[in-house]
Amino acid sequence: DTDRALVLLEEYCKKLRKPEEQQLKKAIRKVMGIFKSSLFQALLGSFKKKATRHGTTSHTSLPAALACDVLGCPKA
């Protein structure tokens, strides 16, 4: 769930206070911005519909299936 991921990332970012952790914090904030974007939400919604049609609805399979969809992995 994107909302849960955003909450966890935000909590993690709050713990990053050392100067050497600021680059990681900046990268995480960038990822959070992507998760919040309307483009990401639209792609995720489209993928969930496609996964449901193919019977691939488990949470653990969604990211892998999305990556394969984007990268063109061979079908099993």
N, C-alpha and C. Protein backbone atom coordinates (compact mmCIF):
# COMPACT_ATOMS: atom_id res chain seq x y z
N ASP A 1 0.85 -1.18 0.00
CA ASP A 1 0.00 0.00 0.00
C ASP A 1 0.89 1.25 0.00
N THR A 2 0.66 2.12 -0.94
CA THR A 2 1.48 3.32 -1.10
C THR A 2 1.42 4.21 0.13
N ASP A 3 0.24 4.38 0.70
CA ASP A 3 0.12 5.24 1.88
C ASP A 3 0.95 4.72 3.04
N ARG A 4 0.93 3.42 3.25
CA ARG A 4 1.73 2.81 4.33
C ARG A 4 3.21 2.99 4.05
N ALA A 5 3.63 2.82 2.82
CA ALA A 5 5.03 3.01 2.45
C ALA A 5 5.46 4.45 2.72
N LEU A 6 4.60 5.40 2.40
CA LEU A 6 4.92 6.81 2.64
C LEU A 6 5.08 7.09 4.13
N VAL A 7 4.21 6.52 4.94
CA VAL A 7 4.31 6.70 6.40
C VAL A 7 5.63 6.14 6.92
N LEU A 8 5.98 4.94 6.47
CA LEU A 8 7.22 4.32 6.91
C LEU A 8 8.45 5.10 6.45
N LEU A 9 8.42 5.58 5.23
CA LEU A 9 9.54 6.37 4.72
C LEU A 9 9.68 7.68 5.49
N GLU A 10 8.56 8.31 5.81
CA GLU A 10 8.58 9.56 6.58
C GLU A 10 9.16 9.32 7.97
N GLU A 11 8.74 8.25 8.61
CA GLU A 11 9.28 7.91 9.94
C GLU A 11 10.78 7.67 9.86
N TYR A 12 11.22 6.97 8.83
CA TYR A 12 12.64 6.70 8.66
C TYR A 12 13.42 8.00 8.43
N CYS A 13 12.87 8.88 7.62
CA CYS A 13 13.54 10.16 7.33
C CYS A 13 13.74 10.98 8.60
N LYS A 14 12.80 10.92 9.51
CA LYS A 14 12.91 11.68 10.76
C LYS A 14 14.10 11.22 11.59
N LYS A 15 14.53 9.97 11.40
CA LYS A 15 15.66 9.42 12.14
C LYS A 15 17.01 9.79 11.52
N LEU A 16 16.98 10.27 10.29
CA LEU A 16 18.23 10.60 9.59
C LEU A 16 18.63 12.04 9.92
N ARG A 17 19.57 12.18 10.85
CA ARG A 17 19.98 13.51 11.31
C ARG A 17 21.45 13.81 11.10
N LYS A 18 22.25 12.78 10.94
CA LYS A 18 23.69 12.98 10.79
C LYS A 18 23.98 13.59 9.42
N PRO A 19 25.04 14.39 9.34
CA PRO A 19 25.39 15.01 8.04
C PRO A 19 25.59 13.99 6.92
N GLU A 20 26.18 12.85 7.25
CA GLU A 20 26.43 11.84 6.22
C GLU A 20 25.16 11.12 5.78
N GLU A 21 24.07 11.32 6.49
CA GLU A 21 22.80 10.70 6.13
C GLU A 21 21.90 11.61 5.29
N GLN A 22 22.33 12.83 5.07
CA GLN A 22 21.48 13.79 4.38
C GLN A 22 21.26 13.46 2.91
N GLN A 23 22.26 12.86 2.28
CA GLN A 23 22.09 12.46 0.88
C GLN A 23 21.03 11.35 0.77
N LEU A 24 21.06 10.40 1.70
CA LEU A 24 20.05 9.35 1.73
C LEU A 24 18.67 9.94 2.00
N LYS A 25 18.60 10.88 2.92
CA LYS A 25 17.33 11.53 3.25
C LYS A 25 16.76 12.24 2.03
N LYS A 26 17.63 12.91 1.28
CA LYS A 26 17.20 13.62 0.07
C LYS A 26 16.66 12.62 -0.96
N ALA A 27 17.34 11.49 -1.11
CA ALA A 27 16.90 10.47 -2.07
C ALA A 27 15.56 9.87 -1.66
N ILE A 28 15.39 9.63 -0.38
CA ILE A 28 14.12 9.07 0.11
C ILE A 28 13.00 10.07 -0.12
N ARG A 29 13.25 11.33 0.13
CA ARG A 29 12.22 12.36 -0.10
C ARG A 29 11.85 12.43 -1.58
N LYS A 30 12.82 12.19 -2.46
CA LYS A 30 12.54 12.18 -3.90
C LYS A 30 11.63 11.01 -4.24
N VAL A 31 11.90 9.85 -3.67
CA VAL A 31 11.06 8.67 -3.88
C VAL A 31 9.64 8.94 -3.36
N MET A 32 9.56 9.59 -2.20
CA MET A 32 8.25 9.91 -1.63
C MET A 32 7.47 10.83 -2.57
N GLY A 33 8.17 11.77 -3.18
CA GLY A 33 7.52 12.66 -4.14
C GLY A 33 6.99 11.90 -5.34
N ILE A 34 7.75 10.91 -5.78
CA ILE A 34 7.31 10.08 -6.90
C ILE A 34 6.07 9.29 -6.51
N PHE A 35 6.09 8.70 -5.30
CA PHE A 35 4.93 7.93 -4.84
C PHE A 35 3.69 8.80 -4.77
N LYS A 36 3.84 10.07 -4.45
CA LYS A 36 2.71 10.98 -4.31
C LYS A 36 2.23 11.53 -5.65
N SER A 37 3.04 11.38 -6.69
CA SER A 37 2.71 11.98 -7.98
C SER A 37 1.48 11.34 -8.61
N SER A 38 0.76 12.14 -9.35
CA SER A 38 -0.44 11.63 -10.03
C SER A 38 -0.07 10.61 -11.10
N LEU A 39 1.08 10.76 -11.73
CA LEU A 39 1.52 9.80 -12.74
C LEU A 39 1.73 8.42 -12.10
N PHE A 40 2.45 8.38 -10.97
CA PHE A 40 2.68 7.11 -10.28
C PHE A 40 1.37 6.47 -9.87
N GLN A 41 0.48 7.26 -9.30
CA GLN A 41 -0.81 6.75 -8.85
C GLN A 41 -1.62 6.20 -10.03
N ALA A 42 -1.57 6.88 -11.16
CA ALA A 42 -2.28 6.40 -12.35
C ALA A 42 -1.68 5.09 -12.86
N LEU A 43 -0.35 5.01 -12.90
CA LEU A 43 0.30 3.78 -13.35
C LEU A 43 -0.01 2.63 -12.40
N LEU A 44 0.03 2.91 -11.10
CA LEU A 44 -0.27 1.88 -10.12
C LEU A 44 -1.71 1.40 -10.27
N GLY A 45 -2.64 2.32 -10.45
CA GLY A 45 -4.04 1.95 -10.64
C GLY A 45 -4.24 1.12 -11.88
N SER A 46 -3.57 1.51 -12.96
CA SER A 46 -3.66 0.77 -14.21
C SER A 46 -3.08 -0.63 -14.06
N PHE A 47 -1.95 -0.72 -13.35
CA PHE A 47 -1.32 -2.01 -13.16
C PHE A 47 -2.18 -2.92 -12.29
N LYS A 48 -2.80 -2.35 -11.24
CA LYS A 48 -3.65 -3.17 -10.37
C LYS A 48 -4.81 -3.76 -11.16
N LYS A 49 -5.38 -2.98 -12.07
CA LYS A 49 -6.47 -3.50 -12.91
C LYS A 49 -5.97 -4.64 -13.79
N LYS A 50 -4.79 -4.45 -14.38
CA LYS A 50 -4.21 -5.46 -15.25
C LYS A 50 -3.87 -6.72 -14.46
N ALA A 51 -3.32 -6.56 -13.26
CA ALA A 51 -2.96 -7.70 -12.43
C ALA A 51 -4.20 -8.47 -12.00
N THR A 52 -5.26 -7.76 -11.71
CA THR A 52 -6.52 -8.40 -11.31
C THR A 52 -7.06 -9.25 -12.47
N ARG A 53 -6.98 -8.71 -13.69
CA ARG A 53 -7.45 -9.47 -14.86
C ARG A 53 -6.65 -10.75 -15.05
N HIS A 54 -5.35 -10.70 -14.69
CA HIS A 54 -4.48 -11.86 -14.88
C HIS A 54 -4.43 -12.75 -13.64
N GLY A 55 -5.17 -12.38 -12.60
CA GLY A 55 -5.19 -13.19 -11.38
C GLY A 55 -3.97 -13.01 -10.51
N THR A 56 -3.21 -11.95 -10.72
CA THR A 56 -2.00 -11.67 -9.94
C THR A 56 -2.29 -10.52 -9.00
N THR A 57 -2.91 -10.82 -7.86
CA THR A 57 -3.34 -9.74 -6.98
C THR A 57 -2.65 -9.71 -5.63
N SER A 58 -1.74 -10.65 -5.34
CA SER A 58 -1.08 -10.62 -4.03
C SER A 58 -0.14 -9.43 -3.96
N HIS A 59 -0.02 -8.86 -2.78
CA HIS A 59 0.80 -7.65 -2.60
C HIS A 59 2.26 -7.89 -2.96
N THR A 60 2.80 -9.08 -2.64
CA THR A 60 4.20 -9.33 -2.92
C THR A 60 4.46 -9.48 -4.41
N SER A 61 3.46 -9.90 -5.17
CA SER A 61 3.69 -10.10 -6.60
C SER A 61 3.51 -8.81 -7.41
N LEU A 62 2.81 -7.82 -6.86
CA LEU A 62 2.57 -6.60 -7.62
C LEU A 62 3.85 -5.88 -8.01
N PRO A 63 4.78 -5.60 -7.09
CA PRO A 63 5.99 -4.91 -7.51
C PRO A 63 6.81 -5.70 -8.52
N ALA A 64 6.93 -7.00 -8.31
CA ALA A 64 7.69 -7.82 -9.24
C ALA A 64 7.03 -7.85 -10.61
N ALA A 65 5.72 -8.00 -10.61
CA ALA A 65 5.00 -8.05 -11.89
C ALA A 65 5.07 -6.71 -12.60
N LEU A 66 5.01 -5.61 -11.84
CA LEU A 66 5.14 -4.29 -12.44
C LEU A 66 6.51 -4.12 -13.06
N ALA A 67 7.54 -4.54 -12.34
CA ALA A 67 8.90 -4.44 -12.87
C ALA A 67 9.04 -5.25 -14.15
N CYS A 68 8.49 -6.44 -14.16
CA CYS A 68 8.56 -7.27 -15.37
C CYS A 68 7.76 -6.65 -16.50
N ASP A 69 6.64 -6.05 -16.17
CA ASP A 69 5.82 -5.40 -17.20
C ASP A 69 6.61 -4.27 -17.84
N VAL A 70 7.28 -3.48 -17.01
CA VAL A 70 8.05 -2.33 -17.51
C VAL A 70 9.31 -2.78 -18.24
N LEU A 71 10.01 -3.79 -17.67
CA LEU A 71 11.27 -4.24 -18.22
C LEU A 71 11.13 -5.27 -19.33
N GLY A 72 9.92 -5.79 -19.52
CA GLY A 72 9.69 -6.76 -20.57
C GLY A 72 10.23 -8.14 -20.24
N CYS A 73 10.07 -8.59 -19.00
CA CYS A 73 10.51 -9.92 -18.61
C CYS A 73 9.73 -10.97 -19.37
N PRO A 74 10.35 -12.12 -19.64
CA PRO A 74 9.63 -13.17 -20.33
C PRO A 74 8.50 -13.72 -19.46
N LYS A 75 7.41 -14.08 -20.10
CA LYS A 75 6.26 -14.65 -19.39
C LYS A 75 6.54 -16.08 -19.02
N ALA A 76 6.13 -16.44 -17.80
CA ALA A 76 6.36 -17.81 -17.33
C ALA A 76 5.29 -18.74 -17.83
